[in-house]
Amino acid sequence: MTAHSSRPLSAPGPLLYSVEEAAQLLGLGRTFTFRLVAGGQIGSVKIGTRRKIPRDALEEYIGRLRSEQAPATDGDRSGQTPQETARTRLTKVD
């Protein structure tokens, strides 16, 4: 575990995270996080050969999940975890 992984995203810290660090911060698996990045669900930048995820891209992703899951209606996916919701979106894209 890295020293900054226990800090909230809004706290001072790194502006860019590796996909592995972002996965750890989000509580998601590495492979699933790579799929979210590849599918455009989480924004990223490439620096040389490395793929980095800006801190604000993680905050935007969380904000989108929250807004999509806000007041539940009969026709939504309430009861699903953020991972299940994201997987559903990824499957629709493919």
C-alpha atoms as a PDB file:
ATOM      1  CA  MET A   1       0.000   0.000   0.000  1.00  0.00           C
ATOM      2  CA  THR A   2       1.343   3.428  -0.872  1.00  0.00           C
ATOM      3  CA  ALA A   3       1.486   6.244   1.633  1.00  0.00           C
ATOM      4  CA  HIS A   4      -1.104   8.379  -0.179  1.00  0.00           C
ATOM      5  CA  SER A   5      -3.676   5.624  -0.708  1.00  0.00           C
ATOM      6  CA  SER A   6      -5.280   6.192   2.708  1.00  0.00           C
ATOM      7  CA  ARG A   7      -5.965   9.908   2.060  1.00  0.00           C
ATOM      8  CA  PRO A   8      -9.305  11.096   0.706  1.00  0.00           C
ATOM      9  CA  LEU A   9      -9.216  12.206  -2.919  1.00  0.00           C
ATOM     10  CA  SER A  10      -9.925  15.809  -1.928  1.00  0.00           C
ATOM     11  CA  ALA A  11      -6.874  15.953   0.366  1.00  0.00           C
ATOM     12  CA  PRO A  12      -3.560  17.274  -0.901  1.00  0.00           C
ATOM     13  CA  GLY A  13      -1.634  14.528  -2.595  1.00  0.00           C
ATOM     14  CA  PRO A  14      -0.700  13.202  -5.997  1.00  0.00           C
ATOM     15  CA  LEU A  15      -2.485  14.693  -8.975  1.00  0.00           C
ATOM     16  CA  LEU A  16      -1.994  11.512 -11.004  1.00  0.00           C
ATOM     17  CA  TYR A  17      -2.399   7.875 -10.031  1.00  0.00           C
ATOM     18  CA  SER A  18      -1.394   4.668 -11.736  1.00  0.00           C
ATOM     19  CA  VAL A  19      -4.296   2.420 -12.705  1.00  0.00           C
ATOM     20  CA  GLU A  20      -3.322   0.109  -9.845  1.00  0.00           C
ATOM     21  CA  GLU A  21      -3.351   2.987  -7.329  1.00  0.00           C
ATOM     22  CA  ALA A  22      -6.702   4.220  -8.645  1.00  0.00           C
ATOM     23  CA  ALA A  23      -8.133   0.709  -8.365  1.00  0.00           C
ATOM     24  CA  GLN A  24      -6.999   0.543  -4.751  1.00  0.00           C
ATOM     25  CA  LEU A  25      -8.480   3.970  -3.957  1.00  0.00           C
ATOM     26  CA  LEU A  26     -11.813   2.981  -5.513  1.00  0.00           C
ATOM     27  CA  GLY A  27     -11.829  -0.478  -3.941  1.00  0.00           C
ATOM     28  CA  LEU A  28     -12.001  -2.091  -7.386  1.00  0.00           C
ATOM     29  CA  GLY A  29      -9.937  -4.743  -9.072  1.00  0.00           C
ATOM     30  CA  ARG A  30      -7.016  -3.803 -11.289  1.00  0.00           C
ATOM     31  CA  THR A  31      -8.396  -5.499 -14.405  1.00  0.00           C
ATOM     32  CA  PHE A  32     -11.843  -3.983 -13.939  1.00  0.00           C
ATOM     33  CA  THR A  33     -10.310  -0.521 -13.494  1.00  0.00           C
ATOM     34  CA  PHE A  34      -8.298  -0.973 -16.708  1.00  0.00           C
ATOM     35  CA  ARG A  35     -11.608  -1.807 -18.454  1.00  0.00           C
ATOM     36  CA  LEU A  36     -13.231   1.339 -17.056  1.00  0.00           C
ATOM     37  CA  VAL A  37     -10.315   3.396 -18.383  1.00  0.00           C
ATOM     38  CA  ALA A  38     -10.338   1.652 -21.783  1.00  0.00           C
ATOM     39  CA  GLY A  39     -14.106   2.169 -22.031  1.00  0.00           C
ATOM     40  CA  GLY A  40     -13.822   5.877 -21.254  1.00  0.00           C
ATOM     41  CA  GLN A  41     -15.699   5.614 -17.953  1.00  0.00           C
ATOM     42  CA  ILE A  42     -12.649   6.957 -16.115  1.00  0.00           C
ATOM     43  CA  GLY A  43     -10.545   9.614 -17.801  1.00  0.00           C
ATOM     44  CA  SER A  44      -6.815   9.105 -18.150  1.00  0.00           C
ATOM     45  CA  VAL A  45      -3.695  10.559 -19.713  1.00  0.00           C
ATOM     46  CA  LYS A  46      -0.685   8.869 -21.223  1.00  0.00           C
ATOM     47  CA  ILE A  47       2.770   9.988 -20.133  1.00  0.00           C
ATOM     48  CA  GLY A  48       5.381   8.175 -22.176  1.00  0.00           C
ATOM     49  CA  THR A  49       4.309   4.555 -22.023  1.00  0.00           C
ATOM     50  CA  ARG A  50       2.433   4.896 -18.733  1.00  0.00           C
ATOM     51  CA  ARG A  51      -1.299   5.432 -18.325  1.00  0.00           C
ATOM     52  CA  LYS A  52      -2.143   7.791 -15.449  1.00  0.00           C
ATOM     53  CA  ILE A  53      -5.492   8.744 -13.970  1.00  0.00           C
ATOM     54  CA  PRO A  54      -5.940  12.336 -12.774  1.00  0.00           C
ATOM     55  CA  ARG A  55      -7.410  12.746  -9.301  1.00  0.00           C
ATOM     56  CA  ASP A  56     -10.299  14.807 -10.705  1.00  0.00           C
ATOM     57  CA  ALA A  57     -11.167  11.980 -13.138  1.00  0.00           C
ATOM     58  CA  LEU A  58     -11.717   9.695 -10.134  1.00  0.00           C
ATOM     59  CA  GLU A  59     -13.869  12.337  -8.454  1.00  0.00           C
ATOM     60  CA  GLU A  60     -15.896  12.793 -11.678  1.00  0.00           C
ATOM     61  CA  TYR A  61     -16.414   9.040 -11.973  1.00  0.00           C
ATOM     62  CA  ILE A  62     -17.671   8.839  -8.391  1.00  0.00           C
ATOM     63  CA  GLY A  63     -19.924  11.855  -8.980  1.00  0.00           C
ATOM     64  CA  ARG A  64     -21.425  10.220 -12.090  1.00  0.00           C
ATOM     65  CA  LEU A  65     -22.104   7.026 -10.166  1.00  0.00           C
ATOM     66  CA  ARG A  66     -23.796   9.006  -7.409  1.00  0.00           C
ATOM     67  CA  SER A  67     -25.971  11.026  -9.777  1.00  0.00           C
ATOM     68  CA  GLU A  68     -26.972   7.913 -11.724  1.00  0.00           C
ATOM     69  CA  GLN A  69     -27.964   6.178  -8.511  1.00  0.00           C
ATOM     70  CA  ALA A  70     -29.678   9.168  -6.889  1.00  0.00           C
ATOM     71  CA  PRO A  71     -33.356   8.895  -6.112  1.00  0.00           C
ATOM     72  CA  ALA A  72     -34.195   5.349  -6.972  1.00  0.00           C
ATOM     73  CA  THR A  73     -37.209   4.657  -9.155  1.00  0.00           C
ATOM     74  CA  ASP A  74     -38.838   1.359 -10.061  1.00  0.00           C
ATOM     75  CA  GLY A  75     -37.070   1.236 -13.424  1.00  0.00           C
ATOM     76  CA  ASP A  76     -33.505   1.825 -12.251  1.00  0.00           C
ATOM     77  CA  ARG A  77     -30.722  -0.494 -11.202  1.00  0.00           C
ATOM     78  CA  SER A  78     -31.115   0.197  -7.477  1.00  0.00           C
ATOM     79  CA  GLY A  79     -29.540  -2.429  -5.328  1.00  0.00           C
ATOM     80  CA  GLN A  80     -26.565  -2.808  -7.656  1.00  0.00           C
ATOM     81  CA  THR A  81     -23.084  -2.022  -6.502  1.00  0.00           C
ATOM     82  CA  PRO A  82     -21.105   0.640  -8.414  1.00  0.00           C
ATOM     83  CA  GLN A  83     -19.129  -2.235  -9.981  1.00  0.00           C
ATOM     84  CA  GLU A  84     -22.313  -3.909 -11.237  1.00  0.00           C
ATOM     85  CA  THR A  85     -23.626  -0.609 -12.587  1.00  0.00           C
ATOM     86  CA  ALA A  86     -20.336   0.062 -14.381  1.00  0.00           C
ATOM     87  CA  ARG A  87     -20.252  -3.486 -15.768  1.00  0.00           C
ATOM     88  CA  THR A  88     -23.774  -3.019 -17.129  1.00  0.00           C
ATOM     89  CA  ARG A  89     -22.691   0.173 -18.873  1.00  0.00           C
ATOM     90  CA  LEU A  90     -19.566  -1.489 -20.273  1.00  0.00           C
ATOM     91  CA  THR A  91     -21.585  -4.378 -21.667  1.00  0.00           C
ATOM     92  CA  LYS A  92     -23.913  -1.977 -23.440  1.00  0.00           C
ATOM     93  CA  VAL A  93     -20.927  -0.220 -25.044  1.00  0.00           C
ATOM     94  CA  ASP A  94     -19.402  -3.448 -26.363  1.00  0.00           C
END
